[in-house]
N, C-alpha and C. Protein backbone atom coordinates (compact mmCIF):
# COMPACT_ATOMS: atom_id res chain seq x y z
N UNK A 1 0.87 -1.02 -0.01
CA UNK A 1 0.15 0.11 -0.11
C UNK A 1 0.78 1.02 0.19
N UNK A 2 0.72 2.01 -0.73
CA UNK A 2 1.22 3.50 -0.84
C UNK A 2 0.21 4.54 -0.49
N UNK A 3 1.01 5.40 0.74
CA UNK A 3 0.25 6.68 1.00
C UNK A 3 0.82 7.61 1.34
N UNK A 4 0.43 9.03 0.75
CA UNK A 4 1.18 10.47 0.48
C UNK A 4 0.30 10.95 1.59
N UNK A 5 0.93 11.56 2.36
CA UNK A 5 0.28 12.68 3.04
C UNK A 5 1.00 13.75 3.18
N UNK A 6 0.12 15.08 3.96
CA UNK A 6 0.97 16.42 4.09
C UNK A 6 2.11 16.70 4.98
N UNK A 7 2.21 15.94 5.79
CA UNK A 7 3.40 16.16 6.47
C UNK A 7 4.02 14.64 6.64
N UNK A 8 5.37 15.06 7.62
CA UNK A 8 5.86 13.53 7.87
C UNK A 8 4.84 12.62 9.15
N UNK A 9 5.00 11.51 9.10
CA UNK A 9 4.27 10.86 9.80
C UNK A 9 5.21 10.11 11.61
N UNK A 10 4.54 10.57 12.51
CA UNK A 10 4.94 10.66 13.45
C UNK A 10 5.11 8.77 13.70
N UNK A 11 3.64 8.14 13.56
CA UNK A 11 3.26 7.04 13.99
C UNK A 11 2.11 6.67 13.13
N UNK A 12 2.07 5.34 13.00
CA UNK A 12 0.84 4.69 12.14
C UNK A 12 0.47 3.56 12.77
N UNK A 13 -0.56 3.62 12.46
CA UNK A 13 -1.52 1.91 13.42
C UNK A 13 -2.49 1.88 12.44
N UNK A 14 -2.62 0.42 12.07
CA UNK A 14 -3.46 -0.49 11.60
C UNK A 14 -4.57 -1.03 12.63
N UNK A 15 -5.52 -1.14 12.45
CA UNK A 15 -6.65 -1.76 13.07
C UNK A 15 -7.45 -2.81 12.47
N UNK A 16 -7.87 -4.08 13.02
CA UNK A 16 -8.77 -4.87 12.30
C UNK A 16 -10.21 -4.20 12.79
N UNK A 17 -11.28 -4.78 12.26
CA UNK A 17 -12.72 -4.50 12.62
C UNK A 17 -13.19 -4.54 14.12
N UNK A 18 -12.15 -5.51 14.45
CA UNK A 18 -12.66 -5.91 15.81
C UNK A 18 -11.99 -4.87 16.78
N UNK A 19 -10.90 -3.99 16.53
CA UNK A 19 -10.13 -2.90 17.14
C UNK A 19 -9.39 -3.31 17.84
N UNK A 20 -8.47 -4.51 17.19
CA UNK A 20 -7.43 -4.81 17.41
C UNK A 20 -5.93 -4.14 16.79
N UNK A 21 -5.39 -3.41 17.22
CA UNK A 21 -4.18 -3.27 16.43
C UNK A 21 -3.12 -4.05 15.90
N UNK A 22 -2.99 -4.30 14.44
CA UNK A 22 -2.25 -5.03 13.72
C UNK A 22 -1.03 -4.99 13.14
N UNK A 23 -0.68 -3.59 13.18
CA UNK A 23 0.47 -3.08 12.76
C UNK A 23 0.81 -1.58 13.34
N UNK A 24 2.17 -1.92 13.65
CA UNK A 24 2.57 -0.39 14.10
C UNK A 24 3.75 0.14 13.93
N UNK A 25 4.19 1.46 13.38
CA UNK A 25 5.20 1.89 12.83
C UNK A 25 5.27 3.19 13.11
N UNK A 26 6.64 3.30 13.74
CA UNK A 26 7.04 4.77 13.91
C UNK A 26 8.26 5.26 13.47
N UNK A 27 8.03 6.64 13.56
CA UNK A 27 8.98 7.73 13.02
C UNK A 27 9.43 7.23 11.39
N UNK A 28 8.46 7.37 10.41
CA UNK A 28 8.04 7.20 8.94
C UNK A 28 8.66 8.49 8.77
N UNK A 29 10.17 8.28 7.83
CA UNK A 29 10.22 9.47 7.26
C UNK A 29 9.73 9.71 5.69
N UNK A 30 9.20 11.21 5.32
CA UNK A 30 8.99 11.38 4.44
C UNK A 30 7.18 11.51 4.54
N UNK A 31 6.99 11.62 3.35
CA UNK A 31 5.72 12.39 3.02
C UNK A 31 4.87 11.34 2.32
N UNK A 32 5.75 10.43 1.53
CA UNK A 32 5.19 9.11 0.92
C UNK A 32 5.52 7.78 1.46
N UNK A 33 4.98 7.11 1.76
CA UNK A 33 4.80 5.77 2.68
C UNK A 33 4.79 4.85 1.86
N UNK A 34 5.74 3.48 2.02
CA UNK A 34 4.89 2.58 1.43
C UNK A 34 5.09 1.30 2.42
N UNK A 35 4.00 0.33 2.72
CA UNK A 35 3.45 -0.43 3.21
C UNK A 35 3.38 -1.71 2.63
N UNK A 36 3.95 -2.40 3.51
CA UNK A 36 3.93 -4.19 3.27
C UNK A 36 2.79 -5.03 3.98
N UNK A 37 1.25 -5.01 3.35
CA UNK A 37 0.61 -5.74 4.05
C UNK A 37 0.32 -7.34 3.93
N UNK A 38 1.37 -7.95 3.60
CA UNK A 38 1.02 -9.35 2.93
C UNK A 38 1.00 -10.22 4.66
N UNK A 39 1.36 -9.57 5.84
CA UNK A 39 1.01 -10.46 6.74
C UNK A 39 -0.59 -10.41 7.30
N UNK A 40 -1.42 -9.52 6.91
CA UNK A 40 -2.81 -9.23 7.11
C UNK A 40 -3.52 -10.08 5.92
N UNK A 41 -4.65 -10.75 6.58
CA UNK A 41 -5.76 -11.49 5.81
C UNK A 41 -6.67 -10.55 5.21
N UNK A 42 -7.55 -11.20 4.40
CA UNK A 42 -8.09 -9.96 3.25
C UNK A 42 -9.48 -9.75 4.32
N UNK A 43 -10.02 -8.61 4.18
CA UNK A 43 -10.91 -7.68 5.10
C UNK A 43 -10.78 -6.10 5.22
N UNK A 44 -11.72 -5.87 6.29
CA UNK A 44 -12.09 -4.32 6.07
C UNK A 44 -10.84 -3.97 7.63
N UNK A 45 -9.81 -2.77 7.04
CA UNK A 45 -9.21 -2.30 8.09
C UNK A 45 -9.19 -0.75 8.32
N UNK A 46 -8.57 -0.13 9.53
CA UNK A 46 -8.92 1.54 9.50
C UNK A 46 -7.21 1.70 10.10
N UNK A 47 -6.94 2.69 8.99
CA UNK A 47 -5.50 2.94 8.80
C UNK A 47 -5.58 4.36 9.57
N UNK A 48 -4.65 4.46 11.05
CA UNK A 48 -4.65 5.79 11.45
C UNK A 48 -3.01 6.55 11.69
N UNK A 49 -2.66 7.68 11.28
CA UNK A 49 -1.77 8.13 11.22
C UNK A 49 -1.66 9.23 12.11
N UNK A 50 -0.48 9.74 12.80
CA UNK A 50 -0.08 10.85 13.68
C UNK A 50 0.46 11.43 13.09
N UNK A 51 0.22 12.87 12.50
CA UNK A 51 1.60 13.71 11.28
C UNK A 51 2.14 14.60 12.34
N UNK A 52 3.62 14.58 11.73
CA UNK A 52 4.13 15.89 12.40
C UNK A 52 3.52 17.25 12.94
N UNK A 53 2.44 17.53 11.89
CA UNK A 53 2.02 19.28 12.19
C UNK A 53 0.66 18.61 13.16
N UNK A 54 0.51 17.92 13.77
CA UNK A 54 -0.42 17.66 15.21
C UNK A 54 -1.97 17.20 14.61
N UNK A 55 -1.72 16.75 13.22
CA UNK A 55 -3.01 16.00 12.43
C UNK A 55 -3.02 14.96 12.80
N UNK A 56 -4.06 14.26 12.41
CA UNK A 56 -4.31 12.54 12.57
C UNK A 56 -5.16 12.36 11.17
N UNK A 57 -4.52 11.46 10.41
CA UNK A 57 -4.81 10.78 8.83
C UNK A 57 -5.94 9.71 9.71
N UNK A 58 -7.09 9.61 9.45
CA UNK A 58 -7.70 8.21 9.43
C UNK A 58 -8.31 7.79 7.85
N UNK A 59 -8.39 6.71 7.59
CA UNK A 59 -8.88 6.04 6.71
C UNK A 59 -9.13 4.31 6.47
N UNK A 60 -10.35 4.21 6.15
CA UNK A 60 -10.96 2.51 6.28
C UNK A 60 -10.29 2.18 4.74
N UNK A 61 -9.88 0.90 4.44
CA UNK A 61 -9.63 0.38 3.45
C UNK A 61 -9.83 -1.28 3.42
N UNK A 62 -9.97 -1.70 2.50
CA UNK A 62 -10.71 -2.91 2.16
C UNK A 62 -8.97 -3.96 1.53
N UNK A 63 -8.50 -4.97 2.18
CA UNK A 63 -7.61 -5.86 1.59
C UNK A 63 -8.41 -7.08 1.05
N UNK A 64 -7.85 -7.22 -0.14
CA UNK A 64 -8.70 -8.12 -0.83
C UNK A 64 -7.38 -9.45 -1.28
C-alpha cells in the first residue's frame, strides 16, 4: 500500500474491525510511505496516522 500525506508521519497504526491493532510503525520519514501488508488477511481495516503537524489521518480500506 502506498500512502501520501501532507506532513511527515510520527506513527502509524492499522486496526482490524474488532479494534485490535495489527500493525504499528514509528518515525516514518517522508510524506510518501510504502507499507507491506502481506501479513494481513483479506478484510476491512482502519489506518490511523499521527502527523508531525499535529493532525491525524484516518482511512478505512479493504484488503482483498
